[in-house]
């Protein structure tokens, strides 16, 4: 009996993406500025870039904390309101718990040799990712463009984002 004769031993399907050239495009929308919400988009963007996929990251609302010079080095992680931590929610309100949870998460990330958010964003930009800030959010938070990290290509409005994301896969984080 061969592998194809028995359904439980069927060969795994491996997608064929063709040659290295691709016309695929992905846009990641970062709407939250906490550590646990920053890394998923950055890790997926890294994966897309390594596969040759045109990659755009759009920062809106509190996601701007990831690219704002005064906040990007001090992103936090809290267990409060985050049941996925599998910890009693009451612990999140105890003074010092956010600092402790942040320290623990940063340690785990460092042990995996994953760069901190500002360095990760620079790395992604160097790899070809396009970083965009949301015009309405920048205005709402009374930020000036010079308060954003230098790697941000521009502050754009929603219409411009919709235009650049045409035919893209969009991931909202």
N, C-alpha and C. Protein backbone atom coordinates (compact mmCIF):
# COMPACT_ATOMS: atom_id res chain seq x y z
N UNK A 1 0.85 -1.18 0.00
CA UNK A 1 0.00 0.00 0.00
C UNK A 1 0.89 1.25 0.00
N UNK A 2 0.55 2.22 -0.81
CA UNK A 2 1.31 3.47 -0.85
C UNK A 2 0.60 4.51 0.00
N UNK A 3 1.29 5.61 0.22
CA UNK A 3 0.72 6.70 1.02
C UNK A 3 -0.60 7.17 0.43
N UNK A 4 -0.68 7.23 -0.88
CA UNK A 4 -1.91 7.73 -1.51
C UNK A 4 -3.05 6.74 -1.44
N UNK A 5 -2.75 5.46 -1.16
CA UNK A 5 -3.80 4.46 -1.05
C UNK A 5 -4.57 4.55 0.26
N UNK A 6 -3.97 5.13 1.24
CA UNK A 6 -4.60 5.18 2.56
C UNK A 6 -4.86 6.64 2.94
N UNK A 7 -6.15 7.02 3.17
CA UNK A 7 -6.48 8.42 3.42
C UNK A 7 -5.79 9.00 4.64
N UNK A 8 -5.53 8.19 5.66
CA UNK A 8 -4.91 8.75 6.87
C UNK A 8 -3.43 9.01 6.68
N UNK A 9 -2.87 8.54 5.59
CA UNK A 9 -1.44 8.73 5.33
C UNK A 9 -1.22 9.62 4.11
N UNK A 10 -2.18 10.43 3.77
CA UNK A 10 -2.06 11.32 2.62
C UNK A 10 -0.92 12.30 2.84
N UNK A 11 -0.23 12.62 1.79
CA UNK A 11 0.87 13.57 1.86
C UNK A 11 0.33 14.95 2.24
N UNK A 12 1.12 15.67 3.01
CA UNK A 12 0.73 17.02 3.41
C UNK A 12 0.70 17.94 2.20
N UNK A 13 -0.27 18.82 2.17
CA UNK A 13 -0.35 19.80 1.10
C UNK A 13 0.53 20.98 1.46
N UNK A 14 1.44 21.31 0.59
CA UNK A 14 2.33 22.44 0.79
C UNK A 14 2.01 23.46 -0.29
N UNK A 15 1.64 24.68 0.11
CA UNK A 15 1.29 25.68 -0.91
C UNK A 15 2.49 26.05 -1.76
N UNK A 16 2.25 26.27 -3.02
CA UNK A 16 3.30 26.71 -3.94
C UNK A 16 3.04 28.17 -4.25
N UNK A 17 3.93 29.02 -3.75
CA UNK A 17 3.77 30.45 -3.97
C UNK A 17 4.55 30.90 -5.21
N UNK A 18 5.08 29.96 -5.96
CA UNK A 18 5.80 30.31 -7.18
C UNK A 18 7.19 30.81 -6.87
N UNK A 19 7.65 31.74 -7.69
CA UNK A 19 9.00 32.24 -7.49
C UNK A 19 9.03 33.27 -6.36
N UNK A 20 10.18 33.85 -6.17
CA UNK A 20 10.36 34.82 -5.08
C UNK A 20 9.56 36.11 -5.30
N UNK A 21 9.28 36.43 -6.54
CA UNK A 21 8.52 37.64 -6.84
C UNK A 21 7.06 37.45 -6.44
N UNK A 22 6.47 38.46 -5.85
CA UNK A 22 5.07 38.36 -5.46
C UNK A 22 4.40 39.71 -5.64
N UNK A 23 3.12 39.67 -5.88
CA UNK A 23 2.36 40.92 -5.94
C UNK A 23 1.42 41.00 -4.74
N UNK A 24 1.68 40.15 -3.76
CA UNK A 24 0.85 40.16 -2.55
C UNK A 24 1.14 41.42 -1.74
N UNK A 25 0.11 41.86 -1.01
CA UNK A 25 0.25 43.03 -0.17
C UNK A 25 -0.52 42.79 1.12
N UNK A 26 0.08 43.19 2.25
CA UNK A 26 -0.60 43.09 3.54
C UNK A 26 -0.54 44.43 4.25
N UNK A 27 -1.63 44.76 4.91
CA UNK A 27 -1.70 45.97 5.72
C UNK A 27 -2.11 45.57 7.13
N UNK A 28 -1.33 46.00 8.09
CA UNK A 28 -1.62 45.75 9.49
C UNK A 28 -2.07 47.06 10.13
N UNK A 29 -3.20 47.02 10.81
CA UNK A 29 -3.71 48.20 11.50
C UNK A 29 -3.45 47.99 12.99
N UNK A 30 -2.62 48.85 13.56
CA UNK A 30 -2.29 48.78 14.99
C UNK A 30 -3.10 49.84 15.73
N UNK A 31 -4.05 49.39 16.54
CA UNK A 31 -4.95 50.31 17.22
C UNK A 31 -4.73 50.36 18.73
N UNK A 32 -3.81 49.55 19.23
CA UNK A 32 -3.59 49.50 20.68
C UNK A 32 -2.10 49.63 20.97
N UNK A 33 -1.78 50.27 22.08
CA UNK A 33 -0.38 50.56 22.40
C UNK A 33 0.16 49.80 23.58
N UNK A 34 -0.28 48.57 23.79
CA UNK A 34 0.27 47.76 24.86
C UNK A 34 1.20 46.71 24.26
N UNK A 35 2.10 46.18 25.08
CA UNK A 35 3.05 45.19 24.58
C UNK A 35 2.37 44.00 23.94
N UNK A 36 1.32 43.49 24.60
CA UNK A 36 0.67 42.29 24.07
C UNK A 36 -0.10 42.55 22.79
N UNK A 37 -0.35 43.79 22.46
CA UNK A 37 -1.03 44.11 21.21
C UNK A 37 -0.06 44.63 20.15
N UNK A 38 1.13 45.06 20.56
CA UNK A 38 2.13 45.55 19.61
C UNK A 38 2.81 44.40 18.88
N UNK A 39 3.23 43.40 19.63
CA UNK A 39 4.04 42.34 19.03
C UNK A 39 3.33 41.49 17.98
N UNK A 40 2.05 41.15 18.12
CA UNK A 40 1.45 40.33 17.06
C UNK A 40 1.56 40.96 15.67
N UNK A 41 1.28 42.24 15.56
CA UNK A 41 1.37 42.89 14.25
C UNK A 41 2.81 42.94 13.75
N UNK A 42 3.75 43.22 14.65
CA UNK A 42 5.15 43.32 14.23
C UNK A 42 5.70 41.97 13.80
N UNK A 43 5.33 40.93 14.51
CA UNK A 43 5.79 39.59 14.16
C UNK A 43 5.18 39.14 12.83
N UNK A 44 3.89 39.40 12.64
CA UNK A 44 3.26 39.04 11.37
C UNK A 44 3.84 39.86 10.22
N UNK A 45 4.11 41.15 10.46
CA UNK A 45 4.71 41.99 9.42
C UNK A 45 6.09 41.46 9.05
N UNK A 46 6.85 41.04 10.04
CA UNK A 46 8.17 40.47 9.79
C UNK A 46 8.04 39.22 8.91
N UNK A 47 7.08 38.37 9.25
CA UNK A 47 6.86 37.17 8.44
C UNK A 47 6.47 37.50 7.01
N UNK A 48 5.61 38.50 6.85
CA UNK A 48 5.19 38.90 5.51
C UNK A 48 6.39 39.42 4.71
N UNK A 49 7.19 40.24 5.33
CA UNK A 49 8.36 40.79 4.64
C UNK A 49 9.35 39.71 4.23
N UNK A 50 9.55 38.73 5.11
CA UNK A 50 10.50 37.66 4.76
C UNK A 50 9.97 36.78 3.63
N UNK A 51 8.66 36.80 3.41
CA UNK A 51 8.07 36.07 2.29
C UNK A 51 7.97 36.93 1.03
N UNK A 52 8.50 38.16 1.10
CA UNK A 52 8.48 39.04 -0.07
C UNK A 52 7.17 39.77 -0.28
N UNK A 53 6.36 39.86 0.75
CA UNK A 53 5.06 40.51 0.64
C UNK A 53 5.20 42.00 0.95
N UNK A 54 4.65 42.84 0.08
CA UNK A 54 4.63 44.28 0.34
C UNK A 54 3.85 44.50 1.64
N UNK A 55 4.45 45.25 2.57
CA UNK A 55 3.88 45.36 3.92
C UNK A 55 3.73 46.81 4.35
N UNK A 56 2.52 47.13 4.85
CA UNK A 56 2.21 48.46 5.37
C UNK A 56 1.68 48.29 6.80
N UNK A 57 2.10 49.20 7.68
CA UNK A 57 1.59 49.19 9.05
C UNK A 57 1.00 50.57 9.32
N UNK A 58 -0.28 50.58 9.68
CA UNK A 58 -1.03 51.81 9.92
C UNK A 58 -1.32 51.91 11.41
N UNK A 59 -0.86 52.98 12.04
CA UNK A 59 -1.01 53.17 13.48
C UNK A 59 -2.13 54.18 13.74
N UNK A 60 -3.12 53.75 14.50
CA UNK A 60 -4.26 54.59 14.78
C UNK A 60 -4.62 54.51 16.27
N UNK A 61 -5.32 55.50 16.76
CA UNK A 61 -5.69 55.59 18.17
C UNK A 61 -4.49 55.28 19.06
N UNK A 62 -4.63 54.39 20.03
CA UNK A 62 -3.55 54.16 20.99
C UNK A 62 -2.40 53.39 20.37
N UNK A 63 -2.57 52.88 19.19
CA UNK A 63 -1.45 52.28 18.47
C UNK A 63 -0.36 53.30 18.17
N UNK A 64 -0.74 54.59 18.18
CA UNK A 64 0.26 55.64 17.99
C UNK A 64 1.34 55.61 19.06
N UNK A 65 1.02 55.05 20.24
CA UNK A 65 2.05 54.95 21.30
C UNK A 65 3.25 54.16 20.82
N UNK A 66 3.05 53.26 19.87
CA UNK A 66 4.15 52.44 19.35
C UNK A 66 5.14 53.26 18.53
N UNK A 67 4.70 54.39 17.98
CA UNK A 67 5.56 55.18 17.10
C UNK A 67 5.78 56.61 17.62
N UNK A 68 5.24 56.92 18.78
CA UNK A 68 5.45 58.24 19.37
C UNK A 68 6.72 58.20 20.21
N UNK A 69 7.64 59.09 19.94
CA UNK A 69 8.96 59.06 20.58
C UNK A 69 8.89 59.00 22.10
N UNK A 70 7.96 59.75 22.71
CA UNK A 70 7.95 59.80 24.19
C UNK A 70 7.28 58.57 24.83
N UNK A 71 6.57 57.76 24.06
CA UNK A 71 5.88 56.60 24.65
C UNK A 71 6.39 55.26 24.13
N UNK A 72 7.04 55.23 22.99
CA UNK A 72 7.39 53.97 22.34
C UNK A 72 8.37 53.11 23.14
N UNK A 73 9.12 53.71 24.04
CA UNK A 73 10.08 52.96 24.85
C UNK A 73 9.48 52.50 26.17
N UNK A 74 8.22 52.85 26.41
CA UNK A 74 7.62 52.56 27.71
C UNK A 74 6.23 51.91 27.58
N UNK A 75 6.07 51.02 26.59
CA UNK A 75 4.80 50.32 26.45
C UNK A 75 4.64 49.34 27.61
N UNK A 76 3.43 49.14 28.04
CA UNK A 76 3.16 48.31 29.22
C UNK A 76 2.27 47.11 28.87
N UNK A 77 2.20 46.20 29.83
CA UNK A 77 1.31 45.05 29.74
C UNK A 77 0.56 44.96 31.07
N UNK A 78 -0.74 44.79 30.99
CA UNK A 78 -1.53 44.67 32.22
C UNK A 78 -2.41 43.43 32.15
N UNK A 79 -2.61 42.82 33.31
CA UNK A 79 -3.51 41.67 33.36
C UNK A 79 -4.95 42.12 33.55
N UNK A 80 -5.13 43.35 33.99
CA UNK A 80 -6.47 43.87 34.26
C UNK A 80 -7.29 43.93 32.97
N UNK A 81 -8.41 43.27 32.96
CA UNK A 81 -9.27 43.25 31.79
C UNK A 81 -8.77 42.32 30.70
N UNK A 82 -7.78 41.50 31.01
CA UNK A 82 -7.22 40.58 30.03
C UNK A 82 -7.34 39.15 30.56
N UNK A 83 -8.49 38.53 30.37
CA UNK A 83 -8.70 37.19 30.91
C UNK A 83 -7.78 36.13 30.31
N UNK A 84 -7.16 36.43 29.19
CA UNK A 84 -6.26 35.46 28.56
C UNK A 84 -5.00 35.23 29.38
N UNK A 85 -4.75 36.07 30.37
CA UNK A 85 -3.58 35.86 31.23
C UNK A 85 -3.81 34.71 32.20
N UNK A 86 -5.05 34.26 32.34
CA UNK A 86 -5.43 33.15 33.22
C UNK A 86 -5.05 33.44 34.67
N UNK A 87 -5.14 34.71 35.03
CA UNK A 87 -4.89 35.11 36.41
C UNK A 87 -6.14 35.78 36.95
N UNK A 88 -6.36 35.74 38.25
CA UNK A 88 -7.53 36.43 38.81
C UNK A 88 -7.49 37.92 38.49
N UNK A 89 -8.59 38.44 37.93
CA UNK A 89 -8.63 39.83 37.50
C UNK A 89 -8.40 40.82 38.65
N UNK A 90 -8.78 40.43 39.86
CA UNK A 90 -8.59 41.32 41.02
C UNK A 90 -7.13 41.65 41.26
N UNK A 91 -6.23 40.77 40.85
CA UNK A 91 -4.80 41.03 41.04
C UNK A 91 -4.33 42.23 40.22
N UNK A 92 -4.98 42.46 39.08
CA UNK A 92 -4.58 43.54 38.20
C UNK A 92 -4.70 44.91 38.83
N UNK A 93 -5.58 45.06 39.82
CA UNK A 93 -5.77 46.35 40.47
C UNK A 93 -4.79 46.62 41.61
N UNK A 94 -4.00 45.66 41.96
CA UNK A 94 -3.02 45.85 43.04
C UNK A 94 -1.88 46.72 42.53
N UNK A 95 -1.52 47.75 43.31
CA UNK A 95 -0.41 48.62 42.88
C UNK A 95 0.85 47.81 42.59
N UNK A 96 1.48 48.13 41.48
CA UNK A 96 2.71 47.47 41.08
C UNK A 96 2.53 46.27 40.17
N UNK A 97 1.28 45.79 40.01
CA UNK A 97 1.06 44.60 39.18
C UNK A 97 1.35 44.85 37.70
N UNK A 98 0.98 46.02 37.20
CA UNK A 98 1.27 46.32 35.80
C UNK A 98 2.77 46.36 35.56
N UNK A 99 3.50 46.99 36.49
CA UNK A 99 4.96 47.04 36.36
C UNK A 99 5.56 45.63 36.39
N UNK A 100 5.05 44.80 37.28
CA UNK A 100 5.56 43.44 37.38
C UNK A 100 5.23 42.63 36.12
N UNK A 101 3.99 42.73 35.66
CA UNK A 101 3.57 42.00 34.46
C UNK A 101 4.36 42.47 33.24
N UNK A 102 4.60 43.76 33.15
CA UNK A 102 5.39 44.32 32.04
C UNK A 102 6.81 43.79 32.07
N UNK A 103 7.40 43.79 33.25
CA UNK A 103 8.78 43.30 33.39
C UNK A 103 8.87 41.82 33.00
N UNK A 104 7.88 41.04 33.44
CA UNK A 104 7.88 39.61 33.11
C UNK A 104 7.74 39.39 31.61
N UNK A 105 6.83 40.14 30.98
CA UNK A 105 6.64 39.97 29.54
C UNK A 105 7.89 40.39 28.78
N UNK A 106 8.50 41.52 29.16
CA UNK A 106 9.71 41.97 28.47
C UNK A 106 10.83 40.95 28.62
N UNK A 107 10.91 40.30 29.78
CA UNK A 107 11.93 39.28 30.01
C UNK A 107 11.69 38.09 29.09
N UNK A 108 10.44 37.64 28.98
CA UNK A 108 10.11 36.52 28.11
C UNK A 108 10.42 36.84 26.65
N UNK A 109 10.10 38.05 26.24
CA UNK A 109 10.36 38.47 24.85
C UNK A 109 11.86 38.52 24.60
N UNK A 110 12.62 39.07 25.54
CA UNK A 110 14.08 39.15 25.40
C UNK A 110 14.70 37.75 25.34
N UNK A 111 14.16 36.81 26.13
CA UNK A 111 14.69 35.44 26.12
C UNK A 111 14.49 34.77 24.76
N UNK A 112 13.50 35.21 24.01
CA UNK A 112 13.26 34.68 22.67
C UNK A 112 14.08 35.43 21.61
N UNK A 113 14.89 36.38 22.08
CA UNK A 113 15.75 37.19 21.21
C UNK A 113 14.93 38.03 20.22
N UNK A 114 13.76 38.47 20.68
CA UNK A 114 12.91 39.36 19.88
C UNK A 114 13.23 40.79 20.32
N UNK A 115 13.49 41.68 19.39
CA UNK A 115 13.84 43.06 19.77
C UNK A 115 12.67 43.80 20.42
N UNK A 116 13.00 44.82 21.19
CA UNK A 116 11.96 45.67 21.77
C UNK A 116 11.29 46.44 20.63
N UNK A 117 10.11 46.98 20.91
CA UNK A 117 9.26 47.58 19.87
C UNK A 117 10.00 48.63 19.03
N UNK A 118 10.68 49.62 19.61
CA UNK A 118 11.33 50.62 18.74
C UNK A 118 12.36 50.02 17.79
N UNK A 119 13.17 49.10 18.30
CA UNK A 119 14.18 48.44 17.46
C UNK A 119 13.51 47.56 16.40
N UNK A 120 12.44 46.88 16.78
CA UNK A 120 11.70 46.03 15.85
C UNK A 120 11.15 46.87 14.70
N UNK A 121 10.58 48.03 15.02
CA UNK A 121 10.03 48.91 13.99
C UNK A 121 11.13 49.39 13.04
N UNK A 122 12.30 49.72 13.58
CA UNK A 122 13.42 50.13 12.73
C UNK A 122 13.83 48.99 11.80
N UNK A 123 13.89 47.79 12.37
CA UNK A 123 14.26 46.62 11.59
C UNK A 123 13.25 46.40 10.45
N UNK A 124 11.96 46.48 10.77
CA UNK A 124 10.93 46.29 9.75
C UNK A 124 11.03 47.36 8.66
N UNK A 125 11.26 48.59 9.07
CA UNK A 125 11.43 49.67 8.11
C UNK A 125 12.63 49.41 7.20
N UNK A 126 13.73 48.96 7.79
CA UNK A 126 14.92 48.62 7.00
C UNK A 126 14.64 47.49 6.01
N UNK A 127 13.73 46.59 6.37
CA UNK A 127 13.36 45.45 5.51
C UNK A 127 12.39 45.87 4.41
N UNK A 128 11.84 47.09 4.50
CA UNK A 128 10.95 47.58 3.46
C UNK A 128 9.52 47.84 3.89
N UNK A 129 9.20 47.65 5.17
CA UNK A 129 7.84 47.95 5.64
C UNK A 129 7.58 49.45 5.55
N UNK A 130 6.35 49.77 5.23
CA UNK A 130 5.91 51.17 5.18
C UNK A 130 5.13 51.46 6.46
N UNK A 131 5.56 52.48 7.21
CA UNK A 131 4.91 52.84 8.46
C UNK A 131 4.12 54.13 8.26
N UNK A 132 2.84 54.10 8.65
CA UNK A 132 1.94 55.22 8.44
C UNK A 132 1.23 55.57 9.75
N UNK A 133 1.03 56.84 10.00
CA UNK A 133 0.24 57.30 11.15
C UNK A 133 -1.10 57.82 10.66
N UNK A 134 -2.12 57.63 11.47
CA UNK A 134 -3.48 58.07 11.15
C UNK A 134 -3.65 59.56 11.43
N UNK A 135 -4.05 60.31 10.42
CA UNK A 135 -4.22 61.76 10.55
C UNK A 135 -5.20 62.13 11.67
N UNK A 136 -6.38 61.49 11.69
CA UNK A 136 -7.36 61.84 12.71
C UNK A 136 -6.83 61.57 14.11
N UNK A 137 -6.15 60.45 14.30
CA UNK A 137 -5.62 60.11 15.62
C UNK A 137 -4.51 61.07 16.04
N UNK A 138 -3.64 61.41 15.10
CA UNK A 138 -2.56 62.37 15.40
C UNK A 138 -3.17 63.70 15.82
N UNK A 139 -4.19 64.16 15.09
CA UNK A 139 -4.85 65.41 15.43
C UNK A 139 -5.58 65.30 16.76
N UNK A 140 -6.29 64.20 16.97
CA UNK A 140 -7.06 64.01 18.20
C UNK A 140 -6.14 64.01 19.43
N UNK A 141 -4.96 63.43 19.29
CA UNK A 141 -4.03 63.34 20.41
C UNK A 141 -3.08 64.53 20.46
N UNK A 142 -3.36 65.51 19.60
CA UNK A 142 -2.60 66.76 19.58
C UNK A 142 -1.09 66.52 19.43
N UNK A 143 -0.76 65.63 18.51
CA UNK A 143 0.65 65.33 18.25
C UNK A 143 1.13 66.09 17.02
N UNK A 144 2.40 66.42 17.01
CA UNK A 144 3.04 66.98 15.83
C UNK A 144 3.80 65.86 15.15
N UNK A 145 3.99 65.97 13.85
CA UNK A 145 4.68 64.92 13.11
C UNK A 145 6.10 64.69 13.62
N UNK A 146 6.75 65.73 14.14
CA UNK A 146 8.12 65.56 14.66
C UNK A 146 8.16 64.79 15.98
N UNK A 147 6.99 64.52 16.57
CA UNK A 147 6.93 63.70 17.79
C UNK A 147 6.87 62.21 17.46
N UNK A 148 6.73 61.89 16.18
CA UNK A 148 6.68 60.50 15.74
C UNK A 148 8.07 60.03 15.35
N UNK A 149 8.30 58.72 15.46
CA UNK A 149 9.61 58.20 15.08
C UNK A 149 9.90 58.55 13.62
N UNK A 150 11.16 58.73 13.32
CA UNK A 150 11.57 59.18 12.00
C UNK A 150 11.22 58.19 10.89
N UNK A 151 11.01 56.93 11.22
CA UNK A 151 10.73 55.91 10.21
C UNK A 151 9.30 55.99 9.67
N UNK A 152 8.44 56.77 10.32
CA UNK A 152 7.06 56.92 9.83
C UNK A 152 7.13 57.71 8.52
N UNK A 153 6.61 57.12 7.46
CA UNK A 153 6.70 57.75 6.14
C UNK A 153 5.84 58.99 6.03
N UNK A 154 4.63 58.92 6.64
CA UNK A 154 3.74 60.06 6.52
C UNK A 154 2.56 59.87 7.46
N UNK A 155 1.86 60.96 7.69
CA UNK A 155 0.59 60.93 8.41
C UNK A 155 -0.47 61.01 7.33
N UNK A 156 -1.32 59.97 7.26
CA UNK A 156 -2.29 59.91 6.17
C UNK A 156 -3.71 59.79 6.72
N UNK A 157 -4.67 60.18 5.91
CA UNK A 157 -6.07 60.06 6.33
C UNK A 157 -6.62 58.70 5.90
N UNK A 158 -7.81 58.41 6.32
CA UNK A 158 -8.42 57.11 6.04
C UNK A 158 -8.57 56.87 4.54
N UNK A 159 -8.94 57.89 3.78
CA UNK A 159 -9.08 57.72 2.33
C UNK A 159 -7.76 57.28 1.70
N UNK A 160 -6.67 57.86 2.16
CA UNK A 160 -5.36 57.48 1.62
C UNK A 160 -5.01 56.05 2.03
N UNK A 161 -5.35 55.68 3.26
CA UNK A 161 -5.09 54.30 3.69
C UNK A 161 -5.91 53.32 2.88
N UNK A 162 -7.17 53.64 2.64
CA UNK A 162 -8.03 52.76 1.84
C UNK A 162 -7.44 52.59 0.44
N UNK A 163 -6.93 53.67 -0.12
CA UNK A 163 -6.32 53.60 -1.45
C UNK A 163 -5.07 52.72 -1.44
N UNK A 164 -4.19 52.90 -0.47
CA UNK A 164 -2.95 52.10 -0.47
C UNK A 164 -3.20 50.65 -0.09
N UNK A 165 -4.31 50.38 0.59
CA UNK A 165 -4.61 49.00 0.97
C UNK A 165 -5.45 48.26 -0.07
N UNK A 166 -5.68 48.90 -1.21
CA UNK A 166 -6.43 48.25 -2.29
C UNK A 166 -5.77 46.92 -2.66
N UNK A 167 -6.56 45.87 -2.72
CA UNK A 167 -6.10 44.51 -3.05
C UNK A 167 -5.17 43.89 -2.01
N UNK A 168 -5.16 44.44 -0.81
CA UNK A 168 -4.29 43.90 0.26
C UNK A 168 -5.11 43.05 1.21
N UNK A 169 -4.41 42.13 1.87
CA UNK A 169 -4.98 41.47 3.03
C UNK A 169 -4.84 42.46 4.17
N UNK A 170 -5.90 42.64 4.96
CA UNK A 170 -5.85 43.59 6.07
C UNK A 170 -6.02 42.83 7.37
N UNK A 171 -5.11 43.11 8.31
CA UNK A 171 -5.16 42.49 9.63
C UNK A 171 -5.28 43.62 10.65
N UNK A 172 -6.37 43.60 11.40
CA UNK A 172 -6.64 44.62 12.42
C UNK A 172 -6.23 44.08 13.77
N UNK A 173 -5.29 44.77 14.42
CA UNK A 173 -4.81 44.31 15.73
C UNK A 173 -5.20 45.34 16.77
